[in-house]
């Protein structure tokens, strides 16, 4: 199984677990909302011009979608711009079986003696 398959499997599993949790949370929230609503005061008249909570949330969700869409477009352009670098990073050169792999030497530490 490839690394990308593992990532996709984990991502799918994440959403499966989230969906299992959402239903009981929504049920609990709905039940508690009825109780809490008895203690919440009516909307003051000075707030009549303000958007409703549903309108505000819907607006924020639309903004979030636009924001994410813009970030996706930017990221795709950045990947294209960085293409030459990615080609080098994504290409694994074939090793010559007769030639040993390069060994990276570790620099020696200089030791200072106390005077």
C-alpha atoms as a PDB file:
ATOM      1  CA  UNK A   1       0.000   0.000   0.000  1.00  0.00           C
ATOM      2  CA  UNK A   2       1.436   3.376  -0.977  1.00  0.00           C
ATOM      3  CA  UNK A   3       1.923   6.315   1.370  1.00  0.00           C
ATOM      4  CA  UNK A   4      -0.804   8.280  -0.464  1.00  0.00           C
ATOM      5  CA  UNK A   5      -3.225   5.365  -0.078  1.00  0.00           C
ATOM      6  CA  UNK A   6      -2.542   5.402   3.654  1.00  0.00           C
ATOM      7  CA  UNK A   7      -3.191   9.143   3.819  1.00  0.00           C
ATOM      8  CA  UNK A   8      -6.460   8.829   1.880  1.00  0.00           C
ATOM      9  CA  UNK A   9      -7.559   5.896   4.054  1.00  0.00           C
ATOM     10  CA  UNK A  10      -6.867   7.937   7.204  1.00  0.00           C
ATOM     11  CA  UNK A  11      -8.770  10.929   5.784  1.00  0.00           C
ATOM     12  CA  UNK A  12     -11.784   8.767   4.907  1.00  0.00           C
ATOM     13  CA  UNK A  13     -11.687   7.214   8.367  1.00  0.00           C
ATOM     14  CA  UNK A  14     -11.607  10.670   9.934  1.00  0.00           C
ATOM     15  CA  UNK A  15     -14.838  11.699   8.197  1.00  0.00           C
ATOM     16  CA  UNK A  16     -16.476   8.375   9.067  1.00  0.00           C
ATOM     17  CA  UNK A  17     -15.673   8.925  12.769  1.00  0.00           C
ATOM     18  CA  UNK A  18     -16.850  12.536  12.661  1.00  0.00           C
ATOM     19  CA  UNK A  19     -20.196  11.509  11.154  1.00  0.00           C
ATOM     20  CA  UNK A  20     -20.691   8.922  13.906  1.00  0.00           C
ATOM     21  CA  UNK A  21     -20.169  11.640  16.530  1.00  0.00           C
ATOM     22  CA  UNK A  22     -22.279  14.340  14.853  1.00  0.00           C
ATOM     23  CA  UNK A  23     -25.683  12.673  15.233  1.00  0.00           C
ATOM     24  CA  UNK A  24     -25.596  12.257  19.031  1.00  0.00           C
ATOM     25  CA  UNK A  25     -24.133  15.753  19.435  1.00  0.00           C
ATOM     26  CA  UNK A  26     -26.918  17.277  17.319  1.00  0.00           C
ATOM     27  CA  UNK A  27     -29.549  15.339  19.255  1.00  0.00           C
ATOM     28  CA  UNK A  28     -28.105  16.489  22.588  1.00  0.00           C
ATOM     29  CA  UNK A  29     -27.830  20.113  21.412  1.00  0.00           C
ATOM     30  CA  UNK A  30     -31.429  20.104  20.186  1.00  0.00           C
ATOM     31  CA  UNK A  31     -32.682  18.729  23.488  1.00  0.00           C
ATOM     32  CA  UNK A  32     -30.718  21.287  25.516  1.00  0.00           C
ATOM     33  CA  UNK A  33     -31.740  24.167  23.237  1.00  0.00           C
ATOM     34  CA  UNK A  34     -35.351  23.769  24.328  1.00  0.00           C
ATOM     35  CA  UNK A  35     -34.333  24.127  27.972  1.00  0.00           C
ATOM     36  CA  UNK A  36     -31.916  27.010  27.380  1.00  0.00           C
ATOM     37  CA  UNK A  37     -34.386  28.921  25.182  1.00  0.00           C
ATOM     38  CA  UNK A  38     -36.621  29.495  28.236  1.00  0.00           C
ATOM     39  CA  UNK A  39     -33.853  31.612  29.802  1.00  0.00           C
ATOM     40  CA  UNK A  40     -32.826  33.616  26.723  1.00  0.00           C
ATOM     41  CA  UNK A  41     -34.462  37.068  26.531  1.00  0.00           C
ATOM     42  CA  UNK A  42     -36.291  38.311  23.435  1.00  0.00           C
ATOM     43  CA  UNK A  43     -34.260  40.196  20.853  1.00  0.00           C
ATOM     44  CA  UNK A  44     -34.028  43.890  21.808  1.00  0.00           C
ATOM     45  CA  UNK A  45     -35.593  46.394  19.386  1.00  0.00           C
ATOM     46  CA  UNK A  46     -32.277  48.204  18.846  1.00  0.00           C
ATOM     47  CA  UNK A  47     -31.007  44.989  17.207  1.00  0.00           C
ATOM     48  CA  UNK A  48     -33.817  44.940  14.642  1.00  0.00           C
ATOM     49  CA  UNK A  49     -31.453  46.036  11.861  1.00  0.00           C
ATOM     50  CA  UNK A  50     -28.850  43.382  12.708  1.00  0.00           C
ATOM     51  CA  UNK A  51     -28.897  40.177  10.685  1.00  0.00           C
ATOM     52  CA  UNK A  52     -30.517  37.142  12.261  1.00  0.00           C
ATOM     53  CA  UNK A  53     -28.197  34.467  13.632  1.00  0.00           C
ATOM     54  CA  UNK A  54     -29.065  32.173  10.702  1.00  0.00           C
ATOM     55  CA  UNK A  55     -28.255  34.971   8.187  1.00  0.00           C
ATOM     56  CA  UNK A  56     -24.988  35.734   9.958  1.00  0.00           C
ATOM     57  CA  UNK A  57     -23.919  32.086  10.014  1.00  0.00           C
ATOM     58  CA  UNK A  58     -24.884  31.609   6.357  1.00  0.00           C
ATOM     59  CA  UNK A  59     -22.879  34.712   5.407  1.00  0.00           C
ATOM     60  CA  UNK A  60     -19.839  33.431   7.280  1.00  0.00           C
ATOM     61  CA  UNK A  61     -20.099  30.044   5.597  1.00  0.00           C
ATOM     62  CA  UNK A  62     -20.197  31.717   2.173  1.00  0.00           C
ATOM     63  CA  UNK A  63     -17.173  33.835   3.144  1.00  0.00           C
ATOM     64  CA  UNK A  64     -15.337  30.721   4.315  1.00  0.00           C
ATOM     65  CA  UNK A  65     -16.063  28.979   1.010  1.00  0.00           C
ATOM     66  CA  UNK A  66     -14.831  31.963  -0.987  1.00  0.00           C
ATOM     67  CA  UNK A  67     -11.742  32.226   1.220  1.00  0.00           C
ATOM     68  CA  UNK A  68     -10.894  28.542   0.815  1.00  0.00           C
ATOM     69  CA  UNK A  69     -11.572  28.677  -2.947  1.00  0.00           C
ATOM     70  CA  UNK A  70      -9.161  31.618  -3.258  1.00  0.00           C
ATOM     71  CA  UNK A  71      -6.527  29.746  -1.252  1.00  0.00           C
ATOM     72  CA  UNK A  72      -6.981  26.677  -3.464  1.00  0.00           C
ATOM     73  CA  UNK A  73      -6.487  28.780  -6.606  1.00  0.00           C
ATOM     74  CA  UNK A  74      -3.377  30.422  -5.120  1.00  0.00           C
ATOM     75  CA  UNK A  75      -1.943  27.066  -4.019  1.00  0.00           C
ATOM     76  CA  UNK A  76      -2.427  25.553  -7.473  1.00  0.00           C
ATOM     77  CA  UNK A  77      -0.692  28.559  -9.066  1.00  0.00           C
ATOM     78  CA  UNK A  78       2.141  28.239  -6.533  1.00  0.00           C
ATOM     79  CA  UNK A  79       2.554  24.522  -7.315  1.00  0.00           C
ATOM     80  CA  UNK A  80       2.734  25.387 -11.025  1.00  0.00           C
ATOM     81  CA  UNK A  81       5.262  28.169 -10.374  1.00  0.00           C
ATOM     82  CA  UNK A  82       7.400  25.801  -8.302  1.00  0.00           C
ATOM     83  CA  UNK A  83       7.195  23.076 -10.957  1.00  0.00           C
ATOM     84  CA  UNK A  84      10.934  22.959 -11.681  1.00  0.00           C
ATOM     85  CA  UNK A  85      11.694  22.411  -7.996  1.00  0.00           C
ATOM     86  CA  UNK A  86       8.980  19.765  -7.629  1.00  0.00           C
ATOM     87  CA  UNK A  87      10.289  17.870 -10.656  1.00  0.00           C
ATOM     88  CA  UNK A  88      13.663  17.560  -8.937  1.00  0.00           C
ATOM     89  CA  UNK A  89      12.100  16.630  -5.596  1.00  0.00           C
ATOM     90  CA  UNK A  90       9.741  14.092  -7.163  1.00  0.00           C
ATOM     91  CA  UNK A  91      12.328  12.385  -9.387  1.00  0.00           C
ATOM     92  CA  UNK A  92      14.302   9.645  -7.690  1.00  0.00           C
ATOM     93  CA  UNK A  93      17.489   8.974  -9.607  1.00  0.00           C
ATOM     94  CA  UNK A  94      18.389   5.373 -10.302  1.00  0.00           C
ATOM     95  CA  UNK A  95      21.383   4.265  -8.304  1.00  0.00           C
ATOM     96  CA  UNK A  96      24.281   2.737 -10.164  1.00  0.00           C
ATOM     97  CA  UNK A  97      24.591  -0.678  -8.559  1.00  0.00           C
ATOM     98  CA  UNK A  98      28.352  -0.695  -9.053  1.00  0.00           C
ATOM     99  CA  UNK A  99      28.814   2.691  -7.452  1.00  0.00           C
ATOM    100  CA  UNK A 100      28.361   2.987  -3.658  1.00  0.00           C
ATOM    101  CA  UNK A 101      25.840   5.516  -2.385  1.00  0.00           C
ATOM    102  CA  UNK A 102      27.326   8.837  -1.381  1.00  0.00           C
ATOM    103  CA  UNK A 103      28.095   9.026   2.308  1.00  0.00           C
ATOM    104  CA  UNK A 104      27.617  12.358   3.960  1.00  0.00           C
ATOM    105  CA  UNK A 105      30.485  13.177   6.250  1.00  0.00           C
ATOM    106  CA  UNK A 106      29.791  14.696   9.606  1.00  0.00           C
ATOM    107  CA  UNK A 107      31.907  17.767  10.344  1.00  0.00           C
ATOM    108  CA  UNK A 108      34.347  17.291  13.206  1.00  0.00           C
ATOM    109  CA  UNK A 109      33.855  19.384  16.280  1.00  0.00           C
ATOM    110  CA  UNK A 110      36.748  21.539  17.250  1.00  0.00           C
ATOM    111  CA  UNK A 111      37.726  21.036  20.849  1.00  0.00           C
ATOM    112  CA  UNK A 112      38.924  24.079  22.753  1.00  0.00           C
ATOM    113  CA  UNK A 113      41.088  23.421  25.771  1.00  0.00           C
ATOM    114  CA  UNK A 114      40.639  25.651  28.763  1.00  0.00           C
ATOM    115  CA  UNK A 115      43.626  27.828  29.423  1.00  0.00           C
END
